[in-house]
């Protein structure tokens, strides 16, 4: 099987590429290295069945030849900076929606029939249905990021209908694990590294979230691809548990052996569009035989251990 992975030098993309290569796939990886890291591809680049293409998805359609002969596109490239979406209103539109449109058009030109897309649990906004199933009533969107992913999902569904493609859309909770570079764990570790006596926290620390270990995430994506049926499928991917931000703070503090004074910013959310309760119903993907292997606490622990073994990732963004 031949795969093309967009965002291949990113957190999830690089882990997915390694798994595909280990299973005997031939992989073409696309990345513009705006946030991806070449070091994450050190293993892949040693494999003869891996090819790296440095490309910008916003300029992709004229270079559609990279998709030629591909069986499955795993489209993971995106702007994942939910918090600062209002500061750059076009970024989510361009990097999440327009980039997806370009990927779909390149697939159409080259006759590629299957796409796996990384969406987000943020598309549910502040739903009143918890745990939230894939067919929950669609709410008003609360973040530019979520809205851009909803638009991308709509394009995929339309291309599947119009051009006989197959789409697998995965609505992730937050993902943790090896090569993690963005989110609350690394934010807290950076802050405590600078000052172990105090920890500023956005919101009240009681936001309830579900987190998924990256290895389980990759297995979930491949399970949906291999066992799902139908032209267009949507799968939630998460654990059957959730925790408060305060719980993560406790695990991190215990690991570091510190007892910081917590300084809460106040309110029930950290930023505009921050859903204070994300908990997905994952029974649809579970019915296909997928189960997460790690608990949230174990995923947080693995993440902390990885970051301690790779301290360069704890440097302020832009300093790595």
C-alpha atoms as a PDB file:
ATOM      1  CA  UNK A   1       0.000   0.000   0.000  1.00  0.00           C
ATOM      2  CA  UNK A   2       1.131   3.537  -0.770  1.00  0.00           C
ATOM      3  CA  UNK A   3       0.303   6.435   1.548  1.00  0.00           C
ATOM      4  CA  UNK A   4       0.779  10.168   1.442  1.00  0.00           C
ATOM      5  CA  UNK A   5       0.927  11.841   4.859  1.00  0.00           C
ATOM      6  CA  UNK A   6       0.541  15.616   5.075  1.00  0.00           C
ATOM      7  CA  UNK A   7       2.066  17.201   8.160  1.00  0.00           C
ATOM      8  CA  UNK A   8       4.454  14.251   8.295  1.00  0.00           C
ATOM      9  CA  UNK A   9       7.035  16.064  10.438  1.00  0.00           C
ATOM     10  CA  UNK A  10       4.466  16.916  13.074  1.00  0.00           C
ATOM     11  CA  UNK A  11       3.521  15.160  16.291  1.00  0.00           C
ATOM     12  CA  UNK A  12       0.843  12.775  15.038  1.00  0.00           C
ATOM     13  CA  UNK A  13       2.038  12.672  11.419  1.00  0.00           C
ATOM     14  CA  UNK A  14       5.524  11.423  12.260  1.00  0.00           C
ATOM     15  CA  UNK A  15       4.178   8.747  14.611  1.00  0.00           C
ATOM     16  CA  UNK A  16       1.732   7.630  11.923  1.00  0.00           C
ATOM     17  CA  UNK A  17       4.480   7.491   9.285  1.00  0.00           C
ATOM     18  CA  UNK A  18       6.636   5.297  11.523  1.00  0.00           C
ATOM     19  CA  UNK A  19       3.728   2.917  12.110  1.00  0.00           C
ATOM     20  CA  UNK A  20       2.902   2.684   8.395  1.00  0.00           C
ATOM     21  CA  UNK A  21       6.541   2.022   7.505  1.00  0.00           C
ATOM     22  CA  UNK A  22       6.755  -0.680  10.176  1.00  0.00           C
ATOM     23  CA  UNK A  23       3.739  -2.343   8.559  1.00  0.00           C
ATOM     24  CA  UNK A  24       5.371  -2.375   5.135  1.00  0.00           C
ATOM     25  CA  UNK A  25       3.674   0.623   3.543  1.00  0.00           C
ATOM     26  CA  UNK A  26       5.430   2.939   1.102  1.00  0.00           C
ATOM     27  CA  UNK A  27       5.080   6.486   2.434  1.00  0.00           C
ATOM     28  CA  UNK A  28       5.423   9.916   0.851  1.00  0.00           C
ATOM     29  CA  UNK A  29       5.533  12.617   3.498  1.00  0.00           C
ATOM     30  CA  UNK A  30       4.602  16.248   2.835  1.00  0.00           C
ATOM     31  CA  UNK A  31       5.507  19.069   5.191  1.00  0.00           C
ATOM     32  CA  UNK A  32       6.339  22.768   4.942  1.00  0.00           C
ATOM     33  CA  UNK A  33       8.217  22.653   8.281  1.00  0.00           C
ATOM     34  CA  UNK A  34       6.423  25.690   9.652  1.00  0.00           C
ATOM     35  CA  UNK A  35       5.912  23.749  12.883  1.00  0.00           C
ATOM     36  CA  UNK A  36       7.118  20.231  12.010  1.00  0.00           C
ATOM     37  CA  UNK A  37      10.573  19.061  13.076  1.00  0.00           C
ATOM     38  CA  UNK A  38      13.063  17.171  10.920  1.00  0.00           C
ATOM     39  CA  UNK A  39      14.339  15.303  13.959  1.00  0.00           C
ATOM     40  CA  UNK A  40      10.973  13.521  14.169  1.00  0.00           C
ATOM     41  CA  UNK A  41      11.722  11.950  10.766  1.00  0.00           C
ATOM     42  CA  UNK A  42      15.176  10.619  11.586  1.00  0.00           C
ATOM     43  CA  UNK A  43      13.966   7.028  11.592  1.00  0.00           C
ATOM     44  CA  UNK A  44      11.694   7.386   8.576  1.00  0.00           C
ATOM     45  CA  UNK A  45      14.428   8.975   6.458  1.00  0.00           C
ATOM     46  CA  UNK A  46      16.530   5.859   6.910  1.00  0.00           C
ATOM     47  CA  UNK A  47      13.813   3.720   5.325  1.00  0.00           C
ATOM     48  CA  UNK A  48      14.029   3.162   1.538  1.00  0.00           C
ATOM     49  CA  UNK A  49      10.235   3.128   1.251  1.00  0.00           C
ATOM     50  CA  UNK A  50       9.981   6.698   2.625  1.00  0.00           C
ATOM     51  CA  UNK A  51      10.151   9.854   0.527  1.00  0.00           C
ATOM     52  CA  UNK A  52      10.029  13.376   1.948  1.00  0.00           C
ATOM     53  CA  UNK A  53       8.608  16.287  -0.033  1.00  0.00           C
ATOM     54  CA  UNK A  54       8.961  19.806   1.348  1.00  0.00           C
ATOM     55  CA  UNK A  55       5.892  21.581   0.018  1.00  0.00           C
ATOM     56  CA  UNK A  56       3.263  24.169   0.910  1.00  0.00           C
ATOM     57  CA  UNK A  57      -0.297  22.883   0.743  1.00  0.00           C
ATOM     58  CA  UNK A  58      -1.587  26.313  -0.220  1.00  0.00           C
ATOM     59  CA  UNK A  59       0.455  25.968  -3.435  1.00  0.00           C
ATOM     60  CA  UNK A  60      -0.215  22.268  -3.884  1.00  0.00           C
ATOM     61  CA  UNK A  61      -2.594  21.833  -6.812  1.00  0.00           C
ATOM     62  CA  UNK A  62       0.032  22.713  -9.472  1.00  0.00           C
ATOM     63  CA  UNK A  63       2.234  20.011  -7.881  1.00  0.00           C
ATOM     64  CA  UNK A  64      -0.371  17.260  -7.770  1.00  0.00           C
ATOM     65  CA  UNK A  65       2.131  14.731  -9.132  1.00  0.00           C
ATOM     66  CA  UNK A  66       3.136  13.974  -5.531  1.00  0.00           C
ATOM     67  CA  UNK A  67      -0.231  12.205  -5.184  1.00  0.00           C
ATOM     68  CA  UNK A  68       0.260  10.000  -8.225  1.00  0.00           C
ATOM     69  CA  UNK A  69      -0.096   6.283  -7.476  1.00  0.00           C
ATOM     70  CA  UNK A  70      -1.159   6.854  -3.863  1.00  0.00           C
ATOM     71  CA  UNK A  71      -3.764   4.556  -2.293  1.00  0.00           C
ATOM     72  CA  UNK A  72      -4.568   6.578   0.847  1.00  0.00           C
ATOM     73  CA  UNK A  73      -3.999  10.204   1.835  1.00  0.00           C
ATOM     74  CA  UNK A  74      -3.676  10.856   5.565  1.00  0.00           C
ATOM     75  CA  UNK A  75      -4.313  14.583   5.839  1.00  0.00           C
ATOM     76  CA  UNK A  76      -2.928  15.740   9.190  1.00  0.00           C
ATOM     77  CA  UNK A  77      -1.390  19.107   8.296  1.00  0.00           C
ATOM     78  CA  UNK A  78      -3.243  21.955  10.001  1.00  0.00           C
ATOM     79  CA  UNK A  79      -2.972  24.986  12.200  1.00  0.00           C
ATOM     80  CA  UNK A  80      -3.711  23.595  15.648  1.00  0.00           C
ATOM     81  CA  UNK A  81      -3.238  26.812  17.603  1.00  0.00           C
ATOM     82  CA  UNK A  82      -6.825  27.120  18.819  1.00  0.00           C
ATOM     83  CA  UNK A  83      -6.092  29.652  21.519  1.00  0.00           C
ATOM     84  CA  UNK A  84      -4.759  32.401  19.242  1.00  0.00           C
ATOM     85  CA  UNK A  85      -7.242  31.947  16.400  1.00  0.00           C
ATOM     86  CA  UNK A  86      -8.867  35.363  16.889  1.00  0.00           C
ATOM     87  CA  UNK A  87      -5.437  37.018  16.577  1.00  0.00           C
ATOM     88  CA  UNK A  88      -4.994  35.600  13.060  1.00  0.00           C
ATOM     89  CA  UNK A  89      -8.516  35.094  11.651  1.00  0.00           C
ATOM     90  CA  UNK A  90      -7.408  33.880   8.194  1.00  0.00           C
ATOM     91  CA  UNK A  91      -4.930  31.315   9.467  1.00  0.00           C
ATOM     92  CA  UNK A  92      -7.502  28.631  10.289  1.00  0.00           C
ATOM     93  CA  UNK A  93      -9.340  29.251   7.025  1.00  0.00           C
ATOM     94  CA  UNK A  94      -6.195  28.983   4.941  1.00  0.00           C
ATOM     95  CA  UNK A  95      -4.313  26.204   6.717  1.00  0.00           C
ATOM     96  CA  UNK A  96      -7.288  24.044   7.670  1.00  0.00           C
ATOM     97  CA  UNK A  97      -9.999  24.641   5.062  1.00  0.00           C
ATOM     98  CA  UNK A  98      -8.308  25.890   1.889  1.00  0.00           C
ATOM     99  CA  UNK A  99      -5.396  23.484   2.351  1.00  0.00           C
ATOM    100  CA  UNK A 100      -7.898  20.623   2.619  1.00  0.00           C
ATOM    101  CA  UNK A 101      -9.613  21.799  -0.564  1.00  0.00           C
ATOM    102  CA  UNK A 102      -6.223  21.721  -2.325  1.00  0.00           C
ATOM    103  CA  UNK A 103      -5.516  18.200  -1.070  1.00  0.00           C
ATOM    104  CA  UNK A 104      -8.903  17.003  -2.320  1.00  0.00           C
ATOM    105  CA  UNK A 105      -8.368  18.607  -5.701  1.00  0.00           C
ATOM    106  CA  UNK A 106      -4.929  17.012  -6.056  1.00  0.00           C
ATOM    107  CA  UNK A 107      -6.535  13.677  -5.180  1.00  0.00           C
ATOM    108  CA  UNK A 108      -9.253  14.190  -7.797  1.00  0.00           C
ATOM    109  CA  UNK A 109      -6.730  15.032 -10.503  1.00  0.00           C
ATOM    110  CA  UNK A 110      -4.602  11.973  -9.741  1.00  0.00           C
ATOM    111  CA  UNK A 111      -7.485   9.581  -9.105  1.00  0.00           C
ATOM    112  CA  UNK A 112      -6.723   8.943  -5.418  1.00  0.00           C
ATOM    113  CA  UNK A 113      -9.851   7.523  -3.828  1.00  0.00           C
ATOM    114  CA  UNK A 114      -9.338   7.447  -0.037  1.00  0.00           C
ATOM    115  CA  UNK A 115      -8.662  10.187   2.511  1.00  0.00           C
ATOM    116  CA  UNK A 116      -8.268   9.983   6.296  1.00  0.00           C
ATOM    117  CA  UNK A 117      -8.706  13.400   7.886  1.00  0.00           C
ATOM    118  CA  UNK A 118      -7.763  14.659  11.344  1.00  0.00           C
ATOM    119  CA  UNK A 119     -10.680  16.713  12.594  1.00  0.00           C
ATOM    120  CA  UNK A 120     -11.391  17.666  16.193  1.00  0.00           C
ATOM    121  CA  UNK A 121     -13.846  17.289  19.044  1.00  0.00           C
ATOM    122  CA  UNK A 122     -13.997  21.092  18.995  1.00  0.00           C
ATOM    123  CA  UNK A 123     -16.516  20.856  16.140  1.00  0.00           C
ATOM    124  CA  UNK A 124     -19.173  20.052  18.760  1.00  0.00           C
ATOM    125  CA  UNK A 125     -18.763  23.482  20.350  1.00  0.00           C
ATOM    126  CA  UNK A 126     -20.372  23.615  23.782  1.00  0.00           C
ATOM    127  CA  UNK A 127     -22.782  20.778  23.145  1.00  0.00           C
ATOM    128  CA  UNK A 128     -25.401  19.834  25.704  1.00  0.00           C
ATOM    129  CA  UNK A 129     -25.013  16.125  24.852  1.00  0.00           C
ATOM    130  CA  UNK A 130     -22.219  14.591  26.956  1.00  0.00           C
ATOM    131  CA  UNK A 131     -20.624  12.151  26.264  1.00  0.00           C
ATOM    132  CA  UNK A 132     -20.958  13.468  22.726  1.00  0.00           C
ATOM    133  CA  UNK A 133     -21.685  11.024  19.860  1.00  0.00           C
ATOM    134  CA  UNK A 134     -20.869  11.688  16.212  1.00  0.00           C
ATOM    135  CA  UNK A 135     -24.538  12.334  15.398  1.00  0.00           C
ATOM    136  CA  UNK A 136     -25.131  14.854  18.196  1.00  0.00           C
ATOM    137  CA  UNK A 137     -27.151  17.931  17.199  1.00  0.00           C
ATOM    138  CA  UNK A 138     -24.677  20.347  15.675  1.00  0.00           C
ATOM    139  CA  UNK A 139     -24.217  23.448  17.833  1.00  0.00           C
ATOM    140  CA  UNK A 140     -23.148  26.999  17.114  1.00  0.00           C
ATOM    141  CA  UNK A 141     -19.387  27.013  16.547  1.00  0.00           C
ATOM    142  CA  UNK A 142     -17.353  28.595  19.334  1.00  0.00           C
ATOM    143  CA  UNK A 143     -13.853  28.685  17.778  1.00  0.00           C
ATOM    144  CA  UNK A 144     -12.420  29.620  14.398  1.00  0.00           C
ATOM    145  CA  UNK A 145     -10.445  26.381  14.545  1.00  0.00           C
ATOM    146  CA  UNK A 146     -13.553  24.249  15.005  1.00  0.00           C
ATOM    147  CA  UNK A 147     -15.399  26.137  12.293  1.00  0.00           C
ATOM    148  CA  UNK A 148     -12.539  25.625   9.828  1.00  0.00           C
ATOM    149  CA  UNK A 149     -12.535  21.884  10.531  1.00  0.00           C
ATOM    150  CA  UNK A 150     -16.314  21.655  10.050  1.00  0.00           C
ATOM    151  CA  UNK A 151     -15.869  23.334   6.664  1.00  0.00           C
ATOM    152  CA  UNK A 152     -13.120  20.873   5.750  1.00  0.00           C
ATOM    153  CA  UNK A 153     -15.332  17.941   6.773  1.00  0.00           C
ATOM    154  CA  UNK A 154     -18.070  19.293   4.512  1.00  0.00           C
ATOM    155  CA  UNK A 155     -15.689  19.506   1.557  1.00  0.00           C
ATOM    156  CA  UNK A 156     -14.552  15.926   2.106  1.00  0.00           C
ATOM    157  CA  UNK A 157     -18.139  14.656   2.254  1.00  0.00           C
ATOM    158  CA  UNK A 158     -18.988  16.553  -0.931  1.00  0.00           C
ATOM    159  CA  UNK A 159     -15.934  15.217  -2.809  1.00  0.00           C
ATOM    160  CA  UNK A 160     -16.784  11.685  -1.690  1.00  0.00           C
ATOM    161  CA  UNK A 161     -20.274  12.080  -3.108  1.00  0.00           C
ATOM    162  CA  UNK A 162     -19.260  13.856  -6.303  1.00  0.00           C
ATOM    163  CA  UNK A 163     -16.172  11.860  -7.245  1.00  0.00           C
ATOM    164  CA  UNK A 164     -16.679   8.442  -5.681  1.00  0.00           C
ATOM    165  CA  UNK A 165     -14.031   8.938  -3.013  1.00  0.00           C
ATOM    166  CA  UNK A 166     -14.001   7.354   0.417  1.00  0.00           C
ATOM    167  CA  UNK A 167     -13.550   9.535   3.492  1.00  0.00           C
ATOM    168  CA  UNK A 168     -12.690   8.677   7.084  1.00  0.00           C
ATOM    169  CA  UNK A 169     -12.968  11.684   9.396  1.00  0.00           C
ATOM    170  CA  UNK A 170     -11.574  11.449  12.918  1.00  0.00           C
ATOM    171  CA  UNK A 171     -12.687  13.858  15.617  1.00  0.00           C
ATOM    172  CA  UNK A 172      -9.856  13.746  18.147  1.00  0.00           C
ATOM    173  CA  UNK A 173      -9.722  14.834  21.723  1.00  0.00           C
ATOM    174  CA  UNK A 174      -6.347  16.353  22.676  1.00  0.00           C
ATOM    175  CA  UNK A 175      -3.501  13.959  21.941  1.00  0.00           C
ATOM    176  CA  UNK A 176      -0.466  13.326  24.174  1.00  0.00           C
ATOM    177  CA  UNK A 177       2.707  11.270  23.938  1.00  0.00           C
ATOM    178  CA  UNK A 178       6.085  11.088  22.268  1.00  0.00           C
ATOM    179  CA  UNK A 179       6.915  14.097  20.009  1.00  0.00           C
ATOM    180  CA  UNK A 180       4.213  16.189  21.658  1.00  0.00           C
ATOM    181  CA  UNK A 181       5.038  19.862  21.166  1.00  0.00           C
ATOM    182  CA  UNK A 182       1.880  21.866  21.809  1.00  0.00           C
ATOM    183  CA  UNK A 183      -0.602  21.962  24.668  1.00  0.00           C
ATOM    184  CA  UNK A 184      -1.062  22.260  28.391  1.00  0.00           C
ATOM    185  CA  UNK A 185       1.539  19.695  29.521  1.00  0.00           C
ATOM    186  CA  UNK A 186       4.410  21.394  27.731  1.00  0.00           C
ATOM    187  CA  UNK A 187       3.100  24.824  28.768  1.00  0.00           C
ATOM    188  CA  UNK A 188       3.057  23.831  32.436  1.00  0.00           C
ATOM    189  CA  UNK A 189       6.475  22.172  32.249  1.00  0.00           C
ATOM    190  CA  UNK A 190       7.996  25.264  30.657  1.00  0.00           C
ATOM    191  CA  UNK A 191       6.511  27.515  33.328  1.00  0.00           C
ATOM    192  CA  UNK A 192       7.631  25.284  36.199  1.00  0.00           C
ATOM    193  CA  UNK A 193      11.091  24.993  34.681  1.00  0.00           C
ATOM    194  CA  UNK A 194      11.367  28.779  34.830  1.00  0.00           C
ATOM    195  CA  UNK A 195       9.832  29.102  38.293  1.00  0.00           C
ATOM    196  CA  UNK A 196       8.946  25.942  40.274  1.00  0.00           C
ATOM    197  CA  UNK A 197       7.319  27.968  43.044  1.00  0.00           C
ATOM    198  CA  UNK A 198       4.324  29.308  41.086  1.00  0.00           C
ATOM    199  CA  UNK A 199       2.170  28.228  38.169  1.00  0.00           C
ATOM    200  CA  UNK A 200      -0.144  30.627  36.299  1.00  0.00           C
ATOM    201  CA  UNK A 201      -3.162  28.733  34.914  1.00  0.00           C
ATOM    202  CA  UNK A 202      -5.727  30.005  32.433  1.00  0.00           C
ATOM    203  CA  UNK A 203      -9.291  29.688  33.698  1.00  0.00           C
ATOM    204  CA  UNK A 204     -10.132  28.071  37.027  1.00  0.00           C
ATOM    205  CA  UNK A 205      -8.348  24.735  36.508  1.00  0.00           C
ATOM    206  CA  UNK A 206     -11.653  22.874  36.614  1.00  0.00           C
ATOM    207  CA  UNK A 207     -12.066  22.564  32.860  1.00  0.00           C
ATOM    208  CA  UNK A 208     -12.791  18.921  32.130  1.00  0.00           C
ATOM    209  CA  UNK A 209     -10.978  17.358  29.187  1.00  0.00           C
ATOM    210  CA  UNK A 210     -10.295  13.970  27.663  1.00  0.00           C
ATOM    211  CA  UNK A 211      -6.838  13.136  26.348  1.00  0.00           C
ATOM    212  CA  UNK A 212      -5.608  10.303  24.120  1.00  0.00           C
ATOM    213  CA  UNK A 213      -2.155   8.734  23.834  1.00  0.00           C
ATOM    214  CA  UNK A 214      -0.660   9.191  20.352  1.00  0.00           C
ATOM    215  CA  UNK A 215      -0.036   5.479  19.807  1.00  0.00           C
ATOM    216  CA  UNK A 216      -3.704   4.778  20.537  1.00  0.00           C
ATOM    217  CA  UNK A 217      -4.688   7.629  18.225  1.00  0.00           C
ATOM    218  CA  UNK A 218      -2.700   6.155  15.327  1.00  0.00           C
ATOM    219  CA  UNK A 219      -4.205   2.717  15.919  1.00  0.00           C
ATOM    220  CA  UNK A 220      -7.678   4.253  15.961  1.00  0.00           C
ATOM    221  CA  UNK A 221      -7.090   5.948  12.612  1.00  0.00           C
ATOM    222  CA  UNK A 222      -5.925   2.705  11.025  1.00  0.00           C
ATOM    223  CA  UNK A 223      -8.803   0.749  12.576  1.00  0.00           C
ATOM    224  CA  UNK A 224     -11.341   3.110  11.039  1.00  0.00           C
ATOM    225  CA  UNK A 225      -9.620   2.873   7.675  1.00  0.00           C
ATOM    226  CA  UNK A 226      -9.331  -0.915   7.666  1.00  0.00           C
ATOM    227  CA  UNK A 227     -12.620  -1.907   9.307  1.00  0.00           C
ATOM    228  CA  UNK A 228     -15.000   0.943   8.606  1.00  0.00           C
ATOM    229  CA  UNK A 229     -17.554   0.603   5.835  1.00  0.00           C
ATOM    230  CA  UNK A 230     -19.360   3.049   3.654  1.00  0.00           C
ATOM    231  CA  UNK A 231     -18.273   5.966   1.527  1.00  0.00           C
ATOM    232  CA  UNK A 232     -18.071   8.533   4.328  1.00  0.00           C
ATOM    233  CA  UNK A 233     -17.404   7.716   7.975  1.00  0.00           C
ATOM    234  CA  UNK A 234     -16.984   9.927  11.029  1.00  0.00           C
ATOM    235  CA  UNK A 235     -15.311   8.532  14.147  1.00  0.00           C
ATOM    236  CA  UNK A 236     -14.751  10.074  17.560  1.00  0.00           C
ATOM    237  CA  UNK A 237     -11.375   9.154  19.045  1.00  0.00           C
ATOM    238  CA  UNK A 238     -10.861   9.524  22.777  1.00  0.00           C
ATOM    239  CA  UNK A 239     -10.804   7.674  26.071  1.00  0.00           C
ATOM    240  CA  UNK A 240     -13.787   6.654  28.191  1.00  0.00           C
ATOM    241  CA  UNK A 241     -12.673   9.044  30.906  1.00  0.00           C
ATOM    242  CA  UNK A 242     -11.861  12.690  31.440  1.00  0.00           C
ATOM    243  CA  UNK A 243      -9.941  14.719  33.954  1.00  0.00           C
ATOM    244  CA  UNK A 244      -9.718  18.261  35.224  1.00  0.00           C
ATOM    245  CA  UNK A 245      -6.807  20.496  34.310  1.00  0.00           C
ATOM    246  CA  UNK A 246      -6.052  20.425  38.038  1.00  0.00           C
ATOM    247  CA  UNK A 247      -5.518  16.661  37.801  1.00  0.00           C
ATOM    248  CA  UNK A 248      -2.840  17.165  35.138  1.00  0.00           C
ATOM    249  CA  UNK A 249      -1.197  19.828  37.275  1.00  0.00           C
ATOM    250  CA  UNK A 250      -1.024  17.388  40.173  1.00  0.00           C
ATOM    251  CA  UNK A 251       0.585  14.629  38.043  1.00  0.00           C
ATOM    252  CA  UNK A 252       3.124  17.066  36.586  1.00  0.00           C
ATOM    253  CA  UNK A 253       3.965  18.579  39.972  1.00  0.00           C
ATOM    254  CA  UNK A 254       4.420  15.154  41.564  1.00  0.00           C
ATOM    255  CA  UNK A 255       6.705  14.067  38.746  1.00  0.00           C
ATOM    256  CA  UNK A 256       8.858  17.183  39.181  1.00  0.00           C
ATOM    257  CA  UNK A 257       8.761  17.011  42.969  1.00  0.00           C
ATOM    258  CA  UNK A 258       7.456  20.559  43.304  1.00  0.00           C
ATOM    259  CA  UNK A 259       4.518  22.185  45.085  1.00  0.00           C
ATOM    260  CA  UNK A 260       3.843  25.426  43.227  1.00  0.00           C
ATOM    261  CA  UNK A 261       1.301  28.025  44.245  1.00  0.00           C
ATOM    262  CA  UNK A 262      -1.418  27.875  41.582  1.00  0.00           C
ATOM    263  CA  UNK A 263      -2.445  31.281  40.246  1.00  0.00           C
ATOM    264  CA  UNK A 264      -5.752  30.934  38.406  1.00  0.00           C
ATOM    265  CA  UNK A 265      -6.793  33.436  35.780  1.00  0.00           C
ATOM    266  CA  UNK A 266     -10.457  32.918  36.664  1.00  0.00           C
ATOM    267  CA  UNK A 267     -13.533  31.953  34.686  1.00  0.00           C
ATOM    268  CA  UNK A 268     -14.577  28.517  33.459  1.00  0.00           C
ATOM    269  CA  UNK A 269     -12.450  28.573  30.286  1.00  0.00           C
ATOM    270  CA  UNK A 270      -8.940  29.554  29.319  1.00  0.00           C
ATOM    271  CA  UNK A 271      -9.639  31.516  26.131  1.00  0.00           C
ATOM    272  CA  UNK A 272     -12.331  32.363  23.602  1.00  0.00           C
ATOM    273  CA  UNK A 273     -13.553  29.055  22.146  1.00  0.00           C
ATOM    274  CA  UNK A 274     -12.143  26.913  24.961  1.00  0.00           C
ATOM    275  CA  UNK A 275     -14.808  24.318  25.666  1.00  0.00           C
ATOM    276  CA  UNK A 276     -14.857  23.742  29.450  1.00  0.00           C
ATOM    277  CA  UNK A 277     -16.061  20.137  29.048  1.00  0.00           C
ATOM    278  CA  UNK A 278     -14.932  17.822  26.223  1.00  0.00           C
ATOM    279  CA  UNK A 279     -15.901  14.163  26.550  1.00  0.00           C
ATOM    280  CA  UNK A 280     -16.685  12.115  23.441  1.00  0.00           C
ATOM    281  CA  UNK A 281     -18.775   8.980  22.978  1.00  0.00           C
ATOM    282  CA  UNK A 282     -16.407   6.606  21.170  1.00  0.00           C
ATOM    283  CA  UNK A 283     -18.685   3.589  20.925  1.00  0.00           C
ATOM    284  CA  UNK A 284     -18.709   3.719  17.095  1.00  0.00           C
ATOM    285  CA  UNK A 285     -14.942   3.106  16.747  1.00  0.00           C
ATOM    286  CA  UNK A 286     -15.010   0.723  19.705  1.00  0.00           C
ATOM    287  CA  UNK A 287     -17.538  -1.421  17.830  1.00  0.00           C
ATOM    288  CA  UNK A 288     -14.785  -2.019  15.254  1.00  0.00           C
ATOM    289  CA  UNK A 289     -12.519  -3.489  17.923  1.00  0.00           C
ATOM    290  CA  UNK A 290     -10.410  -0.455  18.872  1.00  0.00           C
ATOM    291  CA  UNK A 291      -9.581   0.224  22.505  1.00  0.00           C
ATOM    292  CA  UNK A 292      -7.123   2.772  23.938  1.00  0.00           C
ATOM    293  CA  UNK A 293      -4.306   1.026  25.786  1.00  0.00           C
ATOM    294  CA  UNK A 294      -3.243   3.897  28.034  1.00  0.00           C
ATOM    295  CA  UNK A 295      -5.244   5.878  30.557  1.00  0.00           C
ATOM    296  CA  UNK A 296      -5.086   9.673  30.598  1.00  0.00           C
ATOM    297  CA  UNK A 297      -2.703   9.621  33.582  1.00  0.00           C
ATOM    298  CA  UNK A 298      -0.431   7.150  31.800  1.00  0.00           C
ATOM    299  CA  UNK A 299      -0.474   9.303  28.668  1.00  0.00           C
ATOM    300  CA  UNK A 300       0.470  12.403  30.673  1.00  0.00           C
ATOM    301  CA  UNK A 301       3.269  10.428  32.358  1.00  0.00           C
ATOM    302  CA  UNK A 302       4.645   9.211  29.016  1.00  0.00           C
ATOM    303  CA  UNK A 303       4.570  12.775  27.720  1.00  0.00           C
ATOM    304  CA  UNK A 304       6.469  14.149  30.709  1.00  0.00           C
ATOM    305  CA  UNK A 305       9.090  11.409  30.409  1.00  0.00           C
ATOM    306  CA  UNK A 306       9.564  12.121  26.709  1.00  0.00           C
ATOM    307  CA  UNK A 307       9.937  15.854  27.251  1.00  0.00           C
ATOM    308  CA  UNK A 308      12.478  15.295  30.028  1.00  0.00           C
ATOM    309  CA  UNK A 309      14.473  13.072  27.674  1.00  0.00           C
ATOM    310  CA  UNK A 310      14.223  15.761  24.953  1.00  0.00           C
ATOM    311  CA  UNK A 311      14.732  19.034  26.854  1.00  0.00           C
ATOM    312  CA  UNK A 312      15.241  21.077  23.674  1.00  0.00           C
ATOM    313  CA  UNK A 313      11.478  20.866  23.165  1.00  0.00           C
ATOM    314  CA  UNK A 314      10.991  22.692  26.447  1.00  0.00           C
ATOM    315  CA  UNK A 315      12.815  25.747  25.205  1.00  0.00           C
ATOM    316  CA  UNK A 316      10.532  28.696  24.414  1.00  0.00           C
ATOM    317  CA  UNK A 317       8.875  28.402  21.010  1.00  0.00           C
ATOM    318  CA  UNK A 318      11.161  29.752  18.313  1.00  0.00           C
ATOM    319  CA  UNK A 319      14.288  28.934  20.358  1.00  0.00           C
ATOM    320  CA  UNK A 320      14.514  25.278  19.337  1.00  0.00           C
END
